[in-house]
Amino acid sequence: ERLAAYGVRATAVAPEEVRVGVRATLGFRPTTTADQKGQARRAASQAISYYLNNLRIGEAAYTDQIERAALNASEYILEVNMNFMSINDSLRLPENVFIEKYERIISSELLIS
């Protein structure tokens, strides 16, 4: 018998980055102080950034998940209204972001008021 060895070939592909930015307005409880609002805005921004930056390669970003991340960031936030999104610096109305198999979403500019 003849023995043959075959090599293993691996291909590494660096994902293309898709920058997603969010502009949103938060609604607060009536008794929320200015300091608490500032803390809540920062927490919402961090939560949105965490959500976007932790999506897997090829995984879509959904507006309801972005809103939920911001809403759950602070007990003082009652509502989240996404005004605009930017995708690779192109401003548009909020919509789910579907990407290609070898693309990865990263957070871009987050403006939370």
Protein backbone atom coordinates (compact mmCIF):
# COMPACT_ATOMS: atom_id res chain seq x y z
CA GLU A 1 0.00 0.00 0.00
CA ARG A 2 0.98 3.51 -0.60
CA LEU A 3 0.62 6.14 2.15
CA ALA A 4 -0.08 9.75 1.25
CA ALA A 5 -0.24 12.71 3.60
CA TYR A 6 -2.42 15.66 2.86
CA GLY A 7 -1.85 19.09 4.36
CA VAL A 8 -4.41 21.23 6.06
CA ARG A 9 -5.07 24.60 4.53
CA ALA A 10 -6.52 27.40 6.63
CA THR A 11 -7.59 30.80 5.46
CA ALA A 12 -7.76 33.75 7.84
CA VAL A 13 -10.04 36.59 6.84
CA ALA A 14 -10.05 39.94 8.60
CA PRO A 15 -13.61 41.24 8.80
CA GLU A 16 -14.61 44.54 7.24
CA GLU A 17 -15.79 46.94 9.93
CA VAL A 18 -19.23 48.52 9.64
CA ARG A 19 -19.47 51.62 11.85
CA VAL A 20 -22.90 52.12 13.42
CA GLY A 21 -23.77 55.31 15.26
CA VAL A 22 -26.94 56.15 17.17
CA ARG A 23 -28.69 59.40 17.99
CA ALA A 24 -31.33 58.91 20.65
CA THR A 25 -33.41 60.89 23.10
CA LEU A 26 -34.13 59.48 26.54
CA GLY A 27 -37.27 60.04 28.60
CA PHE A 28 -36.75 60.16 32.37
CA ARG A 29 -38.82 59.76 35.51
CA PRO A 30 -40.23 63.14 36.60
CA THR A 31 -38.18 63.24 39.82
CA THR A 32 -34.84 62.53 38.12
CA THR A 33 -32.16 65.09 38.99
CA ALA A 34 -29.75 66.59 36.48
CA ASP A 35 -26.88 64.48 37.88
CA GLN A 36 -28.95 61.30 37.61
CA LYS A 37 -29.85 62.18 34.01
CA GLY A 38 -26.17 62.62 33.17
CA GLN A 39 -25.31 59.28 34.75
CA ALA A 40 -28.18 57.61 32.91
CA ARG A 41 -27.08 59.09 29.56
CA ARG A 42 -23.54 57.80 30.08
CA ALA A 43 -24.85 54.37 31.13
CA ALA A 44 -27.13 54.21 28.07
CA SER A 45 -24.27 55.17 25.76
CA GLN A 46 -22.03 52.50 27.31
CA ALA A 47 -24.78 49.88 27.05
CA ILE A 48 -25.38 50.62 23.36
CA SER A 49 -21.65 50.55 22.65
CA TYR A 50 -21.31 47.23 24.50
CA TYR A 51 -24.20 45.72 22.52
CA LEU A 52 -22.82 46.81 19.15
CA ASN A 53 -19.19 45.92 19.87
CA ASN A 54 -20.07 42.44 21.09
CA LEU A 55 -21.99 41.29 18.03
CA ARG A 56 -20.36 38.37 16.24
CA ILE A 57 -18.95 38.63 12.73
CA GLY A 58 -21.88 38.61 10.31
CA GLU A 59 -24.47 39.21 13.07
CA ALA A 60 -27.10 41.89 12.47
CA ALA A 61 -27.89 44.78 14.84
CA TYR A 62 -31.56 45.24 15.68
CA THR A 63 -33.07 48.57 16.69
CA ASP A 64 -35.23 47.01 19.41
CA GLN A 65 -32.12 45.47 20.99
CA ILE A 66 -30.32 48.82 20.87
CA GLU A 67 -33.29 50.51 22.54
CA ARG A 68 -33.58 47.73 25.12
CA ALA A 69 -29.87 48.04 25.98
CA ALA A 70 -30.30 51.77 26.64
CA LEU A 71 -33.57 51.31 28.54
CA ASN A 72 -32.06 48.69 30.85
CA ALA A 73 -28.96 50.79 31.52
CA SER A 74 -30.56 52.88 34.27
CA GLU A 75 -33.61 52.79 36.51
CA TYR A 76 -34.20 56.48 35.71
CA ILE A 77 -34.83 55.90 31.98
CA LEU A 78 -38.48 55.44 31.07
CA GLU A 79 -38.24 55.55 27.28
CA VAL A 80 -35.75 55.57 24.44
CA ASN A 81 -36.48 57.26 21.11
CA MET A 82 -33.96 56.56 18.37
CA ASN A 83 -33.92 59.62 16.13
CA PHE A 84 -31.25 58.66 13.60
CA MET A 85 -28.58 56.09 12.92
CA SER A 86 -25.42 56.35 10.93
CA ILE A 87 -23.96 53.45 9.03
CA ASN A 88 -20.39 54.09 7.87
CA ASP A 89 -21.03 57.81 8.43
CA SER A 90 -24.18 57.84 6.27
CA LEU A 91 -27.07 59.30 8.28
CA ARG A 92 -30.43 57.50 8.00
CA LEU A 93 -33.61 56.75 9.88
CA PRO A 94 -33.35 53.96 12.47
CA GLU A 95 -33.48 50.51 10.92
CA ASN A 96 -32.09 47.06 11.53
CA VAL A 97 -28.54 46.70 10.22
CA PHE A 98 -27.90 43.55 8.22
CA ILE A 99 -24.33 42.87 7.17
CA GLU A 100 -22.42 40.42 5.04
CA LYS A 101 -20.85 37.20 6.24
CA TYR A 102 -17.35 38.69 6.71
CA GLU A 103 -18.34 42.06 8.16
CA ARG A 104 -18.35 43.13 11.79
CA ILE A 105 -20.32 45.93 13.43
CA ILE A 106 -18.51 48.36 15.71
CA SER A 107 -19.97 51.34 17.52
CA SER A 108 -19.37 54.77 16.10
CA GLU A 109 -20.64 58.11 17.32
CA LEU A 110 -23.30 57.80 20.04
CA LEU A 111 -25.27 60.97 20.78
CA ILE A 112 -27.63 60.44 23.69
CA SER A 113 -29.70 63.37 24.95
